[in-house]
N, C-alpha and C. Protein backbone atom coordinates (compact mmCIF):
# COMPACT_ATOMS: atom_id res chain seq x y z
N MET A 1 0.85 -1.20 0.00
CA MET A 1 0.00 0.00 0.00
C MET A 1 0.88 1.25 0.00
N GLU A 2 0.56 2.19 -0.88
CA GLU A 2 1.33 3.43 -0.98
C GLU A 2 1.10 4.30 0.27
N PHE A 3 2.06 5.20 0.53
CA PHE A 3 1.99 6.03 1.74
C PHE A 3 0.76 6.93 1.73
N HIS A 4 0.42 7.48 0.53
CA HIS A 4 -0.74 8.38 0.48
C HIS A 4 -2.04 7.61 0.73
N GLU A 5 -2.05 6.31 0.38
CA GLU A 5 -3.22 5.48 0.65
C GLU A 5 -3.34 5.19 2.14
N GLN A 6 -2.20 5.01 2.80
CA GLN A 6 -2.21 4.81 4.25
C GLN A 6 -2.72 6.07 4.95
N LEU A 7 -2.28 7.23 4.48
CA LEU A 7 -2.72 8.49 5.07
C LEU A 7 -4.22 8.68 4.92
N ALA A 8 -4.77 8.20 3.79
CA ALA A 8 -6.21 8.33 3.57
C ALA A 8 -6.99 7.60 4.66
N PHE A 9 -6.47 6.45 5.11
CA PHE A 9 -7.10 5.73 6.22
C PHE A 9 -6.93 6.50 7.52
N CYS A 10 -5.72 6.99 7.75
CA CYS A 10 -5.42 7.66 9.02
C CYS A 10 -6.25 8.94 9.20
N LYS A 11 -6.52 9.62 8.11
CA LYS A 11 -7.30 10.86 8.20
C LYS A 11 -8.71 10.61 8.72
N LYS A 12 -9.20 9.37 8.56
CA LYS A 12 -10.57 9.04 8.99
C LYS A 12 -10.59 8.28 10.31
N CYS A 13 -9.46 8.25 11.00
CA CYS A 13 -9.34 7.47 12.24
C CYS A 13 -9.35 8.40 13.46
N HIS A 14 -10.05 7.97 14.52
CA HIS A 14 -10.08 8.75 15.76
C HIS A 14 -8.69 8.84 16.40
N ASN A 15 -7.83 7.90 16.08
CA ASN A 15 -6.50 7.85 16.71
C ASN A 15 -5.46 8.72 16.00
N ARG A 16 -5.88 9.51 15.05
CA ARG A 16 -4.92 10.35 14.33
C ARG A 16 -4.46 11.51 15.22
N ARG A 17 -3.27 11.98 14.93
CA ARG A 17 -2.75 13.15 15.64
C ARG A 17 -1.76 13.86 14.73
N MET A 18 -1.83 15.17 14.74
CA MET A 18 -0.94 15.95 13.88
C MET A 18 0.31 16.34 14.65
N ASN A 19 1.46 15.96 14.10
CA ASN A 19 2.75 16.33 14.66
C ASN A 19 3.35 17.41 13.77
N MET A 20 3.68 18.56 14.33
CA MET A 20 4.15 19.70 13.55
C MET A 20 5.46 19.41 12.83
N GLU A 21 6.21 18.42 13.29
CA GLU A 21 7.50 18.12 12.68
C GLU A 21 7.41 17.02 11.62
N THR A 22 6.64 15.98 11.93
CA THR A 22 6.59 14.82 11.02
C THR A 22 5.29 14.69 10.25
N GLY A 23 4.26 15.46 10.64
CA GLY A 23 2.98 15.36 9.95
C GLY A 23 1.99 14.49 10.71
N LEU A 24 1.08 13.85 9.98
CA LEU A 24 0.04 13.03 10.60
C LEU A 24 0.64 11.73 11.13
N ILE A 25 0.37 11.44 12.41
CA ILE A 25 0.88 10.21 13.03
C ILE A 25 -0.25 9.54 13.82
N CYS A 26 0.01 8.34 14.30
CA CYS A 26 -0.93 7.60 15.13
C CYS A 26 -0.71 8.00 16.59
N SER A 27 -1.79 8.36 17.28
CA SER A 27 -1.66 8.77 18.69
C SER A 27 -1.33 7.59 19.60
N LEU A 28 -1.56 6.37 19.12
CA LEU A 28 -1.26 5.17 19.92
C LEU A 28 0.21 4.78 19.86
N THR A 29 0.79 4.90 18.66
CA THR A 29 2.18 4.48 18.47
C THR A 29 3.15 5.64 18.37
N GLY A 30 2.62 6.82 18.07
CA GLY A 30 3.48 7.97 17.88
C GLY A 30 4.28 7.91 16.60
N GLU A 31 3.91 7.01 15.69
CA GLU A 31 4.64 6.81 14.45
C GLU A 31 3.75 7.11 13.23
N LYS A 32 4.43 7.28 12.09
CA LYS A 32 3.70 7.41 10.83
C LYS A 32 3.11 6.05 10.45
N PRO A 33 2.08 6.03 9.61
CA PRO A 33 1.46 4.75 9.24
C PRO A 33 2.45 3.83 8.53
N SER A 34 2.41 2.55 8.91
CA SER A 34 3.31 1.57 8.29
C SER A 34 2.60 0.25 7.98
N PHE A 35 1.27 0.21 8.18
CA PHE A 35 0.52 -1.03 7.93
C PHE A 35 0.43 -1.30 6.43
N GLU A 36 0.09 -2.53 6.08
CA GLU A 36 0.03 -2.93 4.67
C GLU A 36 -1.39 -2.85 4.11
N GLU A 37 -2.29 -3.68 4.61
CA GLU A 37 -3.65 -3.71 4.09
C GLU A 37 -4.63 -3.00 5.01
N THR A 38 -4.67 -3.40 6.26
CA THR A 38 -5.56 -2.77 7.25
C THR A 38 -4.80 -2.51 8.53
N CYS A 39 -5.31 -1.54 9.30
CA CYS A 39 -4.69 -1.21 10.58
C CYS A 39 -5.55 -1.82 11.70
N PRO A 40 -4.98 -2.63 12.57
CA PRO A 40 -5.75 -3.27 13.65
C PRO A 40 -6.31 -2.28 14.66
N SER A 41 -5.74 -1.08 14.70
CA SER A 41 -6.18 -0.07 15.67
C SER A 41 -7.11 0.96 15.04
N PHE A 42 -7.53 0.72 13.80
CA PHE A 42 -8.35 1.70 13.09
C PHE A 42 -9.70 1.89 13.79
N ASP A 43 -10.05 3.15 14.05
CA ASP A 43 -11.32 3.51 14.69
C ASP A 43 -11.96 4.61 13.85
N LEU A 44 -12.97 4.26 13.08
CA LEU A 44 -13.55 5.18 12.11
C LEU A 44 -14.16 6.41 12.76
N ASP A 45 -13.77 7.57 12.25
CA ASP A 45 -14.36 8.86 12.63
C ASP A 45 -15.37 9.21 11.54
N GLU A 46 -16.65 8.93 11.79
CA GLU A 46 -17.68 9.10 10.76
C GLU A 46 -17.83 10.55 10.32
N ARG A 47 -17.68 11.47 11.25
CA ARG A 47 -17.81 12.89 10.90
C ARG A 47 -16.71 13.30 9.93
N MET A 48 -15.49 12.88 10.21
CA MET A 48 -14.38 13.22 9.33
C MET A 48 -14.53 12.53 7.98
N GLU A 49 -15.03 11.29 7.99
CA GLU A 49 -15.24 10.57 6.73
C GLU A 49 -16.22 11.33 5.84
N ALA A 50 -17.30 11.85 6.44
CA ALA A 50 -18.29 12.61 5.68
C ALA A 50 -17.68 13.88 5.11
N GLU A 51 -16.84 14.55 5.90
CA GLU A 51 -16.19 15.77 5.43
C GLU A 51 -15.25 15.47 4.27
N LEU A 52 -14.52 14.39 4.38
CA LEU A 52 -13.58 14.02 3.32
C LEU A 52 -14.32 13.62 2.05
N ASN A 53 -15.46 12.95 2.19
CA ASN A 53 -16.24 12.55 1.02
C ASN A 53 -16.82 13.76 0.31
N ASP A 54 -17.11 14.82 1.08
CA ASP A 54 -17.67 16.03 0.49
C ASP A 54 -16.59 16.89 -0.15
N SER A 55 -15.34 16.63 0.19
CA SER A 55 -14.25 17.42 -0.37
C SER A 55 -13.91 16.93 -1.76
N ALA A 56 -12.91 17.54 -2.36
CA ALA A 56 -12.55 17.18 -3.74
C ALA A 56 -12.13 15.73 -3.85
N ALA A 57 -12.43 15.14 -5.00
CA ALA A 57 -12.08 13.74 -5.25
C ALA A 57 -10.56 13.59 -5.39
N ILE A 58 -10.09 12.37 -5.24
CA ILE A 58 -8.66 12.10 -5.42
C ILE A 58 -8.24 12.46 -6.84
N GLU A 59 -7.13 13.13 -6.98
CA GLU A 59 -6.64 13.49 -8.30
C GLU A 59 -5.86 12.33 -8.91
N ILE A 60 -5.79 12.36 -10.24
CA ILE A 60 -5.11 11.28 -10.95
C ILE A 60 -3.66 11.16 -10.49
N LYS A 61 -3.01 12.29 -10.26
CA LYS A 61 -1.59 12.26 -9.89
C LYS A 61 -1.36 11.60 -8.53
N ASP A 62 -2.42 11.47 -7.73
CA ASP A 62 -2.29 10.86 -6.42
C ASP A 62 -2.39 9.34 -6.46
N LEU A 63 -2.77 8.79 -7.62
CA LEU A 63 -2.93 7.34 -7.73
C LEU A 63 -1.58 6.65 -7.88
N SER A 64 -1.48 5.46 -7.36
CA SER A 64 -0.28 4.66 -7.59
C SER A 64 -0.27 4.22 -9.05
N ASN A 65 0.91 3.91 -9.57
CA ASN A 65 1.02 3.48 -10.98
C ASN A 65 0.19 2.23 -11.25
N GLU A 66 0.16 1.34 -10.29
CA GLU A 66 -0.60 0.09 -10.46
C GLU A 66 -2.10 0.38 -10.55
N LYS A 67 -2.58 1.26 -9.68
CA LYS A 67 -4.01 1.60 -9.68
C LYS A 67 -4.38 2.37 -10.93
N LEU A 68 -3.49 3.25 -11.38
CA LEU A 68 -3.74 4.03 -12.58
C LEU A 68 -3.86 3.11 -13.79
N ARG A 69 -2.96 2.14 -13.91
CA ARG A 69 -3.02 1.19 -15.02
C ARG A 69 -4.32 0.38 -14.98
N GLU A 70 -4.76 0.05 -13.78
CA GLU A 70 -6.01 -0.71 -13.62
C GLU A 70 -7.19 0.09 -14.16
N TYR A 71 -7.23 1.38 -13.82
CA TYR A 71 -8.30 2.24 -14.31
C TYR A 71 -8.22 2.42 -15.83
N GLN A 72 -7.00 2.57 -16.33
CA GLN A 72 -6.83 2.78 -17.77
C GLN A 72 -7.29 1.58 -18.59
N LEU A 73 -7.13 0.38 -18.03
CA LEU A 73 -7.59 -0.82 -18.73
C LEU A 73 -9.11 -0.88 -18.82
N GLU A 74 -9.79 -0.18 -17.93
CA GLU A 74 -11.25 -0.18 -17.92
C GLU A 74 -11.84 0.92 -18.80
N GLN A 75 -10.98 1.79 -19.33
CA GLN A 75 -11.45 2.91 -20.14
C GLN A 75 -12.06 2.43 -21.46
N ASN A 76 -13.04 3.20 -21.96
CA ASN A 76 -13.64 2.90 -23.25
C ASN A 76 -13.99 4.23 -23.92
N LEU A 77 -13.02 4.80 -24.62
CA LEU A 77 -13.21 6.12 -25.23
C LEU A 77 -14.31 6.13 -26.29
N PRO A 78 -14.35 5.17 -27.23
CA PRO A 78 -15.42 5.20 -28.25
C PRO A 78 -16.82 5.17 -27.63
N LEU A 79 -17.02 4.33 -26.61
CA LEU A 79 -18.33 4.25 -25.97
C LEU A 79 -18.64 5.55 -25.22
N GLY A 80 -17.62 6.13 -24.60
CA GLY A 80 -17.81 7.40 -23.91
C GLY A 80 -18.20 8.51 -24.86
N ILE A 81 -17.52 8.59 -26.01
CA ILE A 81 -17.83 9.61 -27.01
C ILE A 81 -19.24 9.39 -27.56
N PHE A 82 -19.60 8.13 -27.80
CA PHE A 82 -20.95 7.82 -28.28
C PHE A 82 -22.00 8.30 -27.28
N GLY A 83 -21.79 7.98 -26.00
CA GLY A 83 -22.73 8.39 -24.97
C GLY A 83 -22.83 9.90 -24.84
N GLY A 84 -21.67 10.57 -24.89
CA GLY A 84 -21.67 12.02 -24.79
C GLY A 84 -22.35 12.68 -25.98
N THR A 85 -22.10 12.14 -27.18
CA THR A 85 -22.72 12.69 -28.39
C THR A 85 -24.23 12.49 -28.36
N LEU A 86 -24.66 11.31 -27.92
CA LEU A 86 -26.10 11.03 -27.83
C LEU A 86 -26.76 11.96 -26.83
N ALA A 87 -26.13 12.15 -25.68
CA ALA A 87 -26.68 13.05 -24.67
C ALA A 87 -26.73 14.48 -25.19
N GLY A 88 -25.69 14.89 -25.92
CA GLY A 88 -25.66 16.23 -26.49
C GLY A 88 -26.75 16.43 -27.53
N PHE A 89 -26.97 15.42 -28.37
CA PHE A 89 -28.01 15.51 -29.40
C PHE A 89 -29.41 15.59 -28.77
N ILE A 90 -29.64 14.75 -27.76
CA ILE A 90 -30.94 14.79 -27.06
C ILE A 90 -31.14 16.14 -26.40
N GLY A 91 -30.09 16.66 -25.77
CA GLY A 91 -30.17 17.97 -25.13
C GLY A 91 -30.47 19.08 -26.12
N ALA A 92 -29.82 19.02 -27.30
CA ALA A 92 -30.05 20.04 -28.33
C ALA A 92 -31.50 19.99 -28.82
N CYS A 93 -32.03 18.79 -29.01
CA CYS A 93 -33.43 18.64 -29.45
C CYS A 93 -34.40 19.15 -28.39
N LEU A 94 -34.10 18.85 -27.12
CA LEU A 94 -34.96 19.34 -26.04
C LEU A 94 -34.94 20.86 -25.97
N TRP A 95 -33.78 21.43 -26.23
CA TRP A 95 -33.65 22.89 -26.26
C TRP A 95 -34.61 23.47 -27.29
N ALA A 96 -34.62 22.89 -28.49
CA ALA A 96 -35.52 23.37 -29.54
C ALA A 96 -36.98 23.16 -29.16
N LEU A 97 -37.31 22.01 -28.58
CA LEU A 97 -38.69 21.72 -28.19
C LEU A 97 -39.19 22.69 -27.13
N ILE A 98 -38.33 22.99 -26.16
CA ILE A 98 -38.71 23.94 -25.11
C ILE A 98 -38.91 25.33 -25.70
N THR A 99 -38.07 25.69 -26.68
CA THR A 99 -38.22 26.98 -27.35
C THR A 99 -39.56 27.05 -28.07
N VAL A 100 -39.94 25.98 -28.76
CA VAL A 100 -41.22 25.93 -29.46
C VAL A 100 -42.38 26.04 -28.47
N ALA A 101 -42.26 25.34 -27.34
CA ALA A 101 -43.35 25.30 -26.36
C ALA A 101 -43.51 26.62 -25.61
N THR A 102 -42.40 27.29 -25.33
CA THR A 102 -42.46 28.50 -24.51
C THR A 102 -42.31 29.79 -25.31
N GLY A 103 -41.72 29.67 -26.50
CA GLY A 103 -41.47 30.87 -27.29
C GLY A 103 -40.23 31.62 -26.85
N TRP A 104 -39.47 31.03 -25.93
CA TRP A 104 -38.26 31.67 -25.41
C TRP A 104 -37.05 30.78 -25.64
N GLN A 105 -35.93 31.44 -25.95
CA GLN A 105 -34.66 30.71 -26.03
C GLN A 105 -34.02 30.73 -24.65
N ILE A 106 -33.90 29.57 -24.06
CA ILE A 106 -33.42 29.48 -22.69
C ILE A 106 -31.95 29.07 -22.68
N GLY A 107 -31.09 30.04 -22.41
CA GLY A 107 -29.66 29.78 -22.43
C GLY A 107 -29.20 28.81 -21.36
N TYR A 108 -29.98 28.73 -20.28
CA TYR A 108 -29.60 27.81 -19.20
C TYR A 108 -29.61 26.35 -19.65
N MET A 109 -30.27 26.08 -20.78
CA MET A 109 -30.25 24.72 -21.31
C MET A 109 -28.82 24.27 -21.60
N ALA A 110 -27.95 25.23 -21.90
CA ALA A 110 -26.55 24.90 -22.18
C ALA A 110 -25.89 24.24 -20.98
N LEU A 111 -26.27 24.68 -19.79
CA LEU A 111 -25.69 24.12 -18.57
C LEU A 111 -26.12 22.67 -18.39
N ALA A 112 -27.40 22.41 -18.70
CA ALA A 112 -27.90 21.04 -18.60
C ALA A 112 -27.22 20.13 -19.61
N ILE A 113 -26.99 20.67 -20.81
CA ILE A 113 -26.32 19.88 -21.85
C ILE A 113 -24.89 19.56 -21.44
N GLY A 114 -24.18 20.54 -20.92
CA GLY A 114 -22.80 20.32 -20.49
C GLY A 114 -22.70 19.23 -19.44
N ALA A 115 -23.60 19.30 -18.44
CA ALA A 115 -23.59 18.28 -17.39
C ALA A 115 -23.98 16.91 -17.94
N GLY A 116 -24.99 16.90 -18.82
CA GLY A 116 -25.45 15.63 -19.40
C GLY A 116 -24.37 14.95 -20.21
N VAL A 117 -23.66 15.73 -21.01
CA VAL A 117 -22.57 15.19 -21.82
C VAL A 117 -21.46 14.64 -20.93
N GLY A 118 -21.07 15.43 -19.94
CA GLY A 118 -19.98 15.02 -19.05
C GLY A 118 -20.29 13.73 -18.30
N PHE A 119 -21.47 13.67 -17.71
CA PHE A 119 -21.83 12.48 -16.93
C PHE A 119 -22.01 11.26 -17.82
N SER A 120 -22.49 11.45 -19.04
CA SER A 120 -22.64 10.32 -19.96
C SER A 120 -21.28 9.72 -20.31
N ILE A 121 -20.31 10.60 -20.56
CA ILE A 121 -18.95 10.12 -20.86
C ILE A 121 -18.35 9.44 -19.63
N ARG A 122 -18.61 10.00 -18.46
CA ARG A 122 -18.08 9.40 -17.22
C ARG A 122 -18.63 7.99 -17.02
N ILE A 123 -19.94 7.83 -17.17
CA ILE A 123 -20.58 6.54 -16.89
C ILE A 123 -20.18 5.48 -17.92
N LEU A 124 -20.21 5.86 -19.20
CA LEU A 124 -19.93 4.87 -20.24
C LEU A 124 -18.44 4.73 -20.55
N GLY A 125 -17.71 5.82 -20.46
CA GLY A 125 -16.30 5.78 -20.82
C GLY A 125 -15.37 5.35 -19.71
N LYS A 126 -15.75 5.64 -18.45
CA LYS A 126 -14.92 5.30 -17.28
C LYS A 126 -13.48 5.77 -17.47
N GLY A 127 -13.33 6.99 -17.94
CA GLY A 127 -12.00 7.48 -18.30
C GLY A 127 -11.27 8.23 -17.21
N VAL A 128 -9.95 8.13 -17.26
CA VAL A 128 -9.08 8.91 -16.38
C VAL A 128 -8.06 9.72 -17.18
N ASP A 129 -7.92 9.42 -18.46
CA ASP A 129 -6.96 10.15 -19.31
C ASP A 129 -7.55 11.49 -19.75
N PRO A 130 -6.69 12.49 -20.01
CA PRO A 130 -7.15 13.83 -20.39
C PRO A 130 -8.07 13.86 -21.61
N ILE A 131 -7.92 12.91 -22.55
CA ILE A 131 -8.71 12.92 -23.77
C ILE A 131 -10.21 12.83 -23.47
N PHE A 132 -10.57 12.21 -22.36
CA PHE A 132 -11.99 12.10 -22.00
C PHE A 132 -12.56 13.48 -21.65
N GLY A 133 -11.80 14.25 -20.88
CA GLY A 133 -12.25 15.59 -20.54
C GLY A 133 -12.30 16.50 -21.75
N ILE A 134 -11.27 16.41 -22.59
CA ILE A 134 -11.23 17.23 -23.81
C ILE A 134 -12.41 16.89 -24.71
N SER A 135 -12.70 15.60 -24.87
CA SER A 135 -13.83 15.17 -25.69
C SER A 135 -15.14 15.70 -25.11
N GLY A 136 -15.26 15.65 -23.78
CA GLY A 136 -16.47 16.15 -23.13
C GLY A 136 -16.69 17.62 -23.37
N ALA A 137 -15.61 18.40 -23.29
CA ALA A 137 -15.72 19.84 -23.51
C ALA A 137 -16.12 20.16 -24.95
N ILE A 138 -15.48 19.50 -25.91
CA ILE A 138 -15.77 19.75 -27.33
C ILE A 138 -17.21 19.36 -27.66
N ILE A 139 -17.63 18.17 -27.22
CA ILE A 139 -18.98 17.71 -27.52
C ILE A 139 -20.02 18.62 -26.86
N ALA A 140 -19.75 19.05 -25.63
CA ALA A 140 -20.69 19.91 -24.91
C ALA A 140 -20.88 21.24 -25.63
N VAL A 141 -19.78 21.88 -26.01
CA VAL A 141 -19.88 23.18 -26.68
C VAL A 141 -20.55 23.04 -28.04
N PHE A 142 -20.17 22.01 -28.81
CA PHE A 142 -20.78 21.80 -30.12
C PHE A 142 -22.27 21.52 -29.98
N SER A 143 -22.65 20.74 -28.99
CA SER A 143 -24.07 20.42 -28.76
C SER A 143 -24.85 21.68 -28.40
N CYS A 144 -24.24 22.57 -27.64
CA CYS A 144 -24.89 23.82 -27.28
C CYS A 144 -25.12 24.70 -28.51
N ILE A 145 -24.12 24.73 -29.39
CA ILE A 145 -24.25 25.51 -30.62
C ILE A 145 -25.38 24.94 -31.48
N VAL A 146 -25.43 23.61 -31.58
CA VAL A 146 -26.51 22.95 -32.34
C VAL A 146 -27.86 23.24 -31.70
N GLY A 147 -27.92 23.15 -30.37
CA GLY A 147 -29.17 23.44 -29.67
C GLY A 147 -29.62 24.87 -29.88
N ASN A 148 -28.68 25.80 -29.84
CA ASN A 148 -29.00 27.20 -30.07
C ASN A 148 -29.50 27.41 -31.50
N PHE A 149 -28.84 26.77 -32.45
CA PHE A 149 -29.24 26.88 -33.86
C PHE A 149 -30.65 26.32 -34.06
N LEU A 150 -30.92 25.15 -33.50
CA LEU A 150 -32.24 24.54 -33.65
C LEU A 150 -33.33 25.40 -33.01
N SER A 151 -33.00 26.04 -31.90
CA SER A 151 -33.99 26.90 -31.25
C SER A 151 -34.28 28.14 -32.10
N VAL A 152 -33.26 28.67 -32.78
CA VAL A 152 -33.47 29.80 -33.69
C VAL A 152 -34.34 29.37 -34.86
N ILE A 153 -34.07 28.19 -35.40
CA ILE A 153 -34.89 27.66 -36.49
C ILE A 153 -36.34 27.50 -36.03
N ALA A 154 -36.53 27.06 -34.79
CA ALA A 154 -37.87 26.91 -34.24
C ALA A 154 -38.60 28.24 -34.18
N VAL A 155 -37.89 29.29 -33.76
CA VAL A 155 -38.49 30.63 -33.70
C VAL A 155 -38.83 31.12 -35.10
N LEU A 156 -37.92 30.93 -36.05
CA LEU A 156 -38.16 31.35 -37.43
C LEU A 156 -39.36 30.63 -38.04
N SER A 157 -39.48 29.34 -37.77
CA SER A 157 -40.60 28.58 -38.32
C SER A 157 -41.93 29.09 -37.78
N GLN A 158 -41.95 29.48 -36.51
CA GLN A 158 -43.17 30.03 -35.93
C GLN A 158 -43.49 31.39 -36.53
N MET A 159 -42.47 32.21 -36.73
CA MET A 159 -42.68 33.54 -37.29
C MET A 159 -43.20 33.47 -38.72
N GLU A 160 -42.72 32.50 -39.48
CA GLU A 160 -43.11 32.37 -40.88
C GLU A 160 -44.32 31.45 -41.07
N GLY A 161 -44.77 30.85 -39.98
CA GLY A 161 -45.92 29.96 -40.08
C GLY A 161 -45.60 28.67 -40.82
N LEU A 162 -44.36 28.23 -40.72
CA LEU A 162 -43.93 27.02 -41.42
C LEU A 162 -43.70 25.88 -40.43
N ASP A 163 -43.64 24.68 -40.96
CA ASP A 163 -43.30 23.52 -40.16
C ASP A 163 -41.82 23.57 -39.79
N PHE A 164 -41.49 23.12 -38.59
CA PHE A 164 -40.10 23.16 -38.13
C PHE A 164 -39.17 22.40 -39.07
N PHE A 165 -39.55 21.17 -39.42
CA PHE A 165 -38.69 20.34 -40.26
C PHE A 165 -38.60 20.89 -41.69
N GLU A 166 -39.66 21.55 -42.12
CA GLU A 166 -39.65 22.18 -43.44
C GLU A 166 -38.66 23.33 -43.45
N THR A 167 -38.69 24.13 -42.38
CA THR A 167 -37.73 25.24 -42.26
C THR A 167 -36.31 24.71 -42.19
N LEU A 168 -36.13 23.63 -41.46
CA LEU A 168 -34.80 23.01 -41.33
C LEU A 168 -34.30 22.48 -42.67
N LEU A 169 -35.23 21.98 -43.48
CA LEU A 169 -34.88 21.38 -44.76
C LEU A 169 -34.47 22.43 -45.79
N TYR A 170 -35.20 23.54 -45.81
CA TYR A 170 -34.97 24.54 -46.85
C TYR A 170 -34.07 25.70 -46.42
N PHE A 171 -33.57 25.65 -45.21
CA PHE A 171 -32.69 26.72 -44.74
C PHE A 171 -31.37 26.68 -45.51
N ASP A 172 -30.86 27.87 -45.87
CA ASP A 172 -29.58 27.98 -46.56
C ASP A 172 -28.46 27.95 -45.50
N TYR A 173 -27.81 26.81 -45.38
CA TYR A 173 -26.85 26.62 -44.30
C TYR A 173 -25.56 27.42 -44.47
N SER A 174 -25.42 28.09 -45.59
CA SER A 174 -24.26 28.97 -45.75
C SER A 174 -24.39 30.21 -44.85
N TYR A 175 -25.62 30.44 -44.34
CA TYR A 175 -25.86 31.58 -43.46
C TYR A 175 -25.89 31.18 -41.99
N THR A 176 -25.49 29.96 -41.70
CA THR A 176 -25.56 29.48 -40.32
C THR A 176 -24.77 30.35 -39.36
N PHE A 177 -23.52 30.63 -39.72
CA PHE A 177 -22.66 31.44 -38.84
C PHE A 177 -23.24 32.84 -38.66
N ASP A 178 -23.70 33.44 -39.77
CA ASP A 178 -24.28 34.79 -39.70
C ASP A 178 -25.52 34.80 -38.82
N LEU A 179 -26.33 33.75 -38.93
CA LEU A 179 -27.56 33.66 -38.13
C LEU A 179 -27.24 33.58 -36.65
N LEU A 180 -26.29 32.73 -36.30
CA LEU A 180 -25.91 32.59 -34.90
C LEU A 180 -25.27 33.86 -34.36
N LEU A 181 -24.50 34.52 -35.21
CA LEU A 181 -23.83 35.75 -34.80
C LEU A 181 -24.83 36.86 -34.55
N GLU A 182 -25.85 36.93 -35.42
CA GLU A 182 -26.84 38.01 -35.31
C GLU A 182 -27.80 37.78 -34.15
N THR A 183 -28.14 36.54 -33.88
CA THR A 183 -29.10 36.24 -32.82
C THR A 183 -28.42 35.98 -31.48
N GLY A 184 -27.10 35.81 -31.49
CA GLY A 184 -26.39 35.50 -30.26
C GLY A 184 -26.19 36.70 -29.36
N GLN A 185 -25.94 36.42 -28.10
CA GLN A 185 -25.67 37.45 -27.11
C GLN A 185 -24.40 37.08 -26.34
N PHE A 186 -23.90 38.04 -25.59
CA PHE A 186 -22.68 37.79 -24.82
C PHE A 186 -22.87 36.64 -23.84
N MET A 187 -24.08 36.55 -23.26
CA MET A 187 -24.34 35.50 -22.28
C MET A 187 -24.27 34.11 -22.90
N ASP A 188 -24.52 34.03 -24.20
CA ASP A 188 -24.41 32.73 -24.88
C ASP A 188 -22.98 32.19 -24.76
N ILE A 189 -22.02 33.09 -24.94
CA ILE A 189 -20.61 32.70 -24.84
C ILE A 189 -20.29 32.23 -23.42
N VAL A 190 -20.85 32.94 -22.44
CA VAL A 190 -20.64 32.56 -21.04
C VAL A 190 -21.20 31.17 -20.78
N PHE A 191 -22.42 30.93 -21.28
CA PHE A 191 -23.05 29.62 -21.09
C PHE A 191 -22.26 28.52 -21.80
N TYR A 192 -21.75 28.82 -22.99
CA TYR A 192 -20.94 27.84 -23.73
C TYR A 192 -19.69 27.49 -22.93
N PHE A 193 -19.07 28.51 -22.37
CA PHE A 193 -17.85 28.29 -21.59
C PHE A 193 -18.13 27.40 -20.38
N ILE A 194 -19.22 27.71 -19.67
CA ILE A 194 -19.57 26.90 -18.50
C ILE A 194 -19.91 25.47 -18.90
N ALA A 195 -20.65 25.34 -20.01
CA ALA A 195 -21.01 24.00 -20.50
C ALA A 195 -19.76 23.20 -20.86
N GLY A 196 -18.81 23.86 -21.51
CA GLY A 196 -17.55 23.20 -21.85
C GLY A 196 -16.79 22.77 -20.62
N TYR A 197 -16.80 23.62 -19.60
CA TYR A 197 -16.13 23.26 -18.34
C TYR A 197 -16.80 22.06 -17.69
N GLU A 198 -18.15 22.07 -17.70
CA GLU A 198 -18.89 20.94 -17.13
C GLU A 198 -18.59 19.66 -17.91
N GLY A 199 -18.59 19.78 -19.24
CA GLY A 199 -18.30 18.62 -20.07
C GLY A 199 -16.94 18.04 -19.78
N TYR A 200 -15.97 18.92 -19.51
CA TYR A 200 -14.61 18.47 -19.17
C TYR A 200 -14.56 17.88 -17.77
N LYS A 201 -15.07 18.62 -16.81
CA LYS A 201 -14.96 18.25 -15.39
C LYS A 201 -15.68 16.95 -15.08
N PHE A 202 -16.90 16.80 -15.59
CA PHE A 202 -17.72 15.64 -15.25
C PHE A 202 -17.40 14.40 -16.07
N ALA A 203 -16.54 14.53 -17.08
CA ALA A 203 -16.27 13.40 -17.98
C ALA A 203 -15.37 12.34 -17.34
N PHE A 204 -14.63 12.72 -16.31
CA PHE A 204 -13.71 11.77 -15.68
C PHE A 204 -14.44 10.91 -14.64
N ARG A 205 -14.06 9.66 -14.56
CA ARG A 205 -14.69 8.76 -13.59
C ARG A 205 -14.39 9.22 -12.18
N LYS A 206 -15.29 8.95 -11.28
CA LYS A 206 -15.09 9.33 -9.88
C LYS A 206 -14.16 8.32 -9.23
N LEU A 207 -13.10 8.81 -8.63
CA LEU A 207 -12.09 7.93 -8.04
C LEU A 207 -12.34 7.69 -6.56
C-alpha cells in the first residue's frame, strides 16, 4: 500500500494526531502509518469521513502506478464519445422543443447539456486520461451551438408559419454562422464556456 493510501485511512481514524514536525501520526504508536492492508487499531471517525467525502475527489496524480493502469484498462473512449454525443443531441433537441413550447430561447439549457454530456462520458467511458475531458468539452460546446441553432430555427418557423422540419430542410446553411452571430448574445458565450467546463470536469470517472 502506498503512503498516500495509508494516510487516507489515518485521516478518517479517531486515533490520528498531527505532529508539527513529522505530519500526521498515530496517537497510539506515535509513528507514521506503516501497515500494509488494514490497521488493527483503526477507529472510524464518521464525521471526518463525511467531510472528506464532500471534499474534492482524489486526483489522478495521487494514484499509484498500479491503480492508474487498472483504471486505464477499464477505459472505453469510443463508448464514452458515443454516450456524450447522444446526450448532447438529445439535449439540443430538447432545447428546440422547449423553445417551441415557450417561445423563449433558454440559455440555461446549455448548462444542462454540459452536465449531461460530461456524466454520460463518465458513466460509459470510465475514463481517467485527459482525452476524455477534452472530448467532453468539445462535444458539450458543439451540442450547445446545435441546440442554439435549432432553437433559432424553431423561432423562425413560428414567425413564418412554417413547419419546423420544413424550415430546417430549406434553410440555406451557408448563413448558419451569420444567423448565430446576429441572434447570439454575450451570455451565450458565457453559457458555452460553463457547459464546456462541465463537459470536461464531469467526464472523468469518480475515483
